[in-house]
């Protein structure tokens, strides 16, 4: 496709996007984005990872050889 035809196609698409009236279903969008509820935050992965505070001994050492 030549540059002229390509530019014409992009111009056509840009005009359609600019002047087309889009109907937005805000209720569906809100459900999809996961509107936060008043529930407290629950970490669903907490039982799979150990807490860092439980292990008192550091996993690194600063000893010089």
N, C-alpha and C. Protein backbone atom coordinates (compact mmCIF):
# COMPACT_ATOMS: atom_id res chain seq x y z
N UNK A 1 0.85 -1.17 0.00
CA UNK A 1 0.00 0.00 0.00
C UNK A 1 0.90 1.23 0.00
N UNK A 2 0.63 2.15 -0.88
CA UNK A 2 1.43 3.37 -0.96
C UNK A 2 1.16 4.31 0.19
N UNK A 3 2.04 5.29 0.33
CA UNK A 3 1.93 6.24 1.45
C UNK A 3 0.64 7.05 1.37
N UNK A 4 0.21 7.42 0.19
CA UNK A 4 -1.02 8.20 0.03
C UNK A 4 -2.24 7.43 0.47
N UNK A 5 -2.31 6.18 0.08
CA UNK A 5 -3.46 5.34 0.46
C UNK A 5 -3.42 5.05 1.96
N UNK A 6 -2.23 4.86 2.49
CA UNK A 6 -2.09 4.58 3.92
C UNK A 6 -2.52 5.80 4.74
N UNK A 7 -2.10 6.99 4.31
CA UNK A 7 -2.48 8.21 5.02
C UNK A 7 -3.98 8.43 4.95
N UNK A 8 -4.58 8.16 3.80
CA UNK A 8 -6.02 8.32 3.65
C UNK A 8 -6.78 7.37 4.58
N UNK A 9 -6.27 6.16 4.69
CA UNK A 9 -6.91 5.19 5.57
C UNK A 9 -6.82 5.63 7.02
N UNK A 10 -5.64 6.10 7.44
CA UNK A 10 -5.48 6.57 8.81
C UNK A 10 -6.35 7.80 9.08
N UNK A 11 -6.47 8.69 8.10
CA UNK A 11 -7.32 9.88 8.25
C UNK A 11 -8.77 9.46 8.42
N UNK A 12 -9.21 8.49 7.63
CA UNK A 12 -10.58 8.00 7.72
C UNK A 12 -10.86 7.41 9.10
N UNK A 13 -9.94 6.61 9.59
CA UNK A 13 -10.12 5.98 10.89
C UNK A 13 -10.12 7.05 11.99
N UNK A 14 -9.24 8.04 11.89
CA UNK A 14 -9.18 9.10 12.89
C UNK A 14 -10.48 9.89 12.93
N UNK A 15 -11.05 10.18 11.77
CA UNK A 15 -12.34 10.90 11.72
C UNK A 15 -13.45 10.07 12.33
N UNK A 16 -13.46 8.78 12.06
CA UNK A 16 -14.49 7.91 12.63
C UNK A 16 -14.39 7.91 14.15
N UNK A 17 -13.18 7.84 14.68
CA UNK A 17 -13.00 7.83 16.12
C UNK A 17 -13.36 9.18 16.75
N UNK A 18 -13.07 10.26 16.03
CA UNK A 18 -13.32 11.59 16.57
C UNK A 18 -14.80 11.95 16.59
N UNK A 19 -15.51 11.63 15.52
CA UNK A 19 -16.88 12.10 15.37
C UNK A 19 -17.94 11.05 15.66
N UNK A 20 -17.57 9.81 15.84
CA UNK A 20 -18.54 8.78 16.13
C UNK A 20 -19.02 8.91 17.57
N UNK A 21 -20.30 8.77 17.76
CA UNK A 21 -20.86 8.85 19.11
C UNK A 21 -20.84 7.44 19.69
N UNK A 22 -20.05 7.31 20.75
CA UNK A 22 -19.92 6.01 21.39
C UNK A 22 -20.86 5.94 22.58
N UNK A 23 -21.56 4.84 22.69
CA UNK A 23 -22.39 4.65 23.87
C UNK A 23 -21.61 3.78 24.84
N UNK A 24 -21.50 4.26 26.06
CA UNK A 24 -20.71 3.58 27.07
C UNK A 24 -21.65 3.07 28.15
N UNK A 25 -21.51 1.80 28.46
CA UNK A 25 -22.28 1.21 29.55
C UNK A 25 -21.43 1.33 30.81
N UNK A 26 -21.68 2.38 31.59
CA UNK A 26 -20.86 2.66 32.76
C UNK A 26 -21.02 1.62 33.85
N UNK A 27 -22.21 1.02 33.96
CA UNK A 27 -22.42 -0.03 34.95
C UNK A 27 -21.55 -1.24 34.67
N UNK A 28 -21.47 -1.63 33.41
CA UNK A 28 -20.64 -2.76 33.02
C UNK A 28 -19.17 -2.43 33.20
N UNK A 29 -18.78 -1.22 32.87
CA UNK A 29 -17.40 -0.79 33.03
C UNK A 29 -16.99 -0.80 34.50
N UNK A 30 -17.89 -0.34 35.36
CA UNK A 30 -17.61 -0.31 36.79
C UNK A 30 -17.42 -1.73 37.34
N UNK A 31 -18.26 -2.67 36.90
CA UNK A 31 -18.12 -4.06 37.35
C UNK A 31 -16.81 -4.66 36.83
N UNK A 32 -16.46 -4.34 35.60
CA UNK A 32 -15.23 -4.89 35.00
C UNK A 32 -13.99 -4.38 35.70
N UNK A 33 -13.99 -3.12 36.08
CA UNK A 33 -12.83 -2.53 36.73
C UNK A 33 -12.77 -2.88 38.21
N UNK A 34 -13.81 -3.49 38.73
CA UNK A 34 -13.79 -3.93 40.12
C UNK A 34 -13.93 -2.79 41.09
N UNK A 35 -15.07 -2.16 41.09
CA UNK A 35 -15.33 -1.06 42.01
C UNK A 35 -15.07 -1.53 43.43
N UNK A 36 -14.24 -0.81 44.19
CA UNK A 36 -13.90 -1.26 45.54
C UNK A 36 -15.12 -1.21 46.45
N UNK A 37 -15.26 -2.22 47.25
CA UNK A 37 -16.36 -2.24 48.22
C UNK A 37 -15.82 -1.79 49.58
N UNK A 38 -16.66 -1.79 50.56
CA UNK A 38 -16.26 -1.36 51.89
C UNK A 38 -15.57 -2.45 52.68
N UNK A 39 -15.39 -3.64 52.07
CA UNK A 39 -14.74 -4.75 52.77
C UNK A 39 -13.27 -4.43 53.00
N UNK A 40 -12.75 -4.98 54.09
CA UNK A 40 -11.34 -4.81 54.40
C UNK A 40 -10.50 -5.59 53.40
N UNK A 41 -9.27 -5.16 53.21
CA UNK A 41 -8.37 -5.83 52.27
C UNK A 41 -8.04 -7.22 52.80
N UNK A 42 -8.16 -8.22 51.93
CA UNK A 42 -7.84 -9.59 52.29
C UNK A 42 -6.78 -10.07 51.31
N UNK A 43 -5.64 -10.50 51.85
CA UNK A 43 -4.56 -11.00 51.01
C UNK A 43 -4.82 -12.47 50.71
N UNK A 44 -5.20 -12.77 49.48
CA UNK A 44 -5.55 -14.15 49.14
C UNK A 44 -4.34 -15.05 48.99
N UNK A 45 -3.13 -14.50 48.98
CA UNK A 45 -1.91 -15.29 48.84
C UNK A 45 -1.15 -15.41 50.16
N UNK A 46 -1.70 -14.90 51.25
CA UNK A 46 -0.99 -14.87 52.52
C UNK A 46 -0.65 -16.25 53.05
N UNK A 47 -1.47 -17.24 52.79
CA UNK A 47 -1.20 -18.56 53.33
C UNK A 47 -0.13 -19.30 52.54
N UNK A 48 0.29 -18.78 51.40
CA UNK A 48 1.28 -19.45 50.57
C UNK A 48 2.70 -18.91 50.77
N UNK A 49 2.84 -17.80 51.46
CA UNK A 49 4.14 -17.16 51.64
C UNK A 49 4.39 -16.97 53.13
N UNK A 50 5.61 -17.30 53.57
CA UNK A 50 5.95 -17.10 54.96
C UNK A 50 6.16 -15.62 55.23
N UNK A 51 5.82 -15.20 56.44
CA UNK A 51 6.06 -13.82 56.84
C UNK A 51 7.54 -13.60 57.03
N UNK A 52 8.03 -12.43 56.66
CA UNK A 52 9.44 -12.12 56.82
C UNK A 52 9.80 -11.95 58.29
N UNK A 53 8.85 -11.54 59.12
CA UNK A 53 9.13 -11.29 60.53
C UNK A 53 9.30 -12.58 61.33
N UNK A 54 8.78 -13.67 60.83
CA UNK A 54 8.86 -14.93 61.57
C UNK A 54 10.29 -15.44 61.68
N UNK A 55 11.10 -15.21 60.67
CA UNK A 55 12.47 -15.69 60.65
C UNK A 55 13.37 -14.62 61.25
N UNK A 56 13.83 -14.84 62.49
CA UNK A 56 14.66 -13.84 63.18
C UNK A 56 16.10 -13.84 62.68
N UNK A 57 16.61 -14.98 62.21
CA UNK A 57 17.99 -15.03 61.76
C UNK A 57 18.08 -14.53 60.32
N UNK A 58 19.03 -13.64 60.05
CA UNK A 58 19.15 -13.12 58.68
C UNK A 58 19.68 -14.19 57.73
N UNK A 59 19.27 -14.11 56.49
CA UNK A 59 19.70 -15.10 55.51
C UNK A 59 21.00 -14.68 54.83
N UNK A 60 21.60 -13.61 55.29
CA UNK A 60 22.85 -13.13 54.73
C UNK A 60 23.90 -13.04 55.83
N UNK A 61 25.13 -12.93 55.46
CA UNK A 61 26.21 -12.87 56.43
C UNK A 61 27.22 -11.83 55.99
N UNK A 62 27.72 -11.05 56.98
CA UNK A 62 28.72 -10.04 56.68
C UNK A 62 30.13 -10.48 57.09
N UNK A 63 30.32 -11.75 57.32
CA UNK A 63 31.62 -12.24 57.76
C UNK A 63 32.67 -12.04 56.68
N UNK A 64 33.85 -11.56 57.11
CA UNK A 64 34.95 -11.37 56.17
C UNK A 64 35.85 -12.60 56.23
N UNK A 65 36.35 -13.02 55.10
CA UNK A 65 37.19 -14.23 55.05
C UNK A 65 38.65 -13.86 55.23
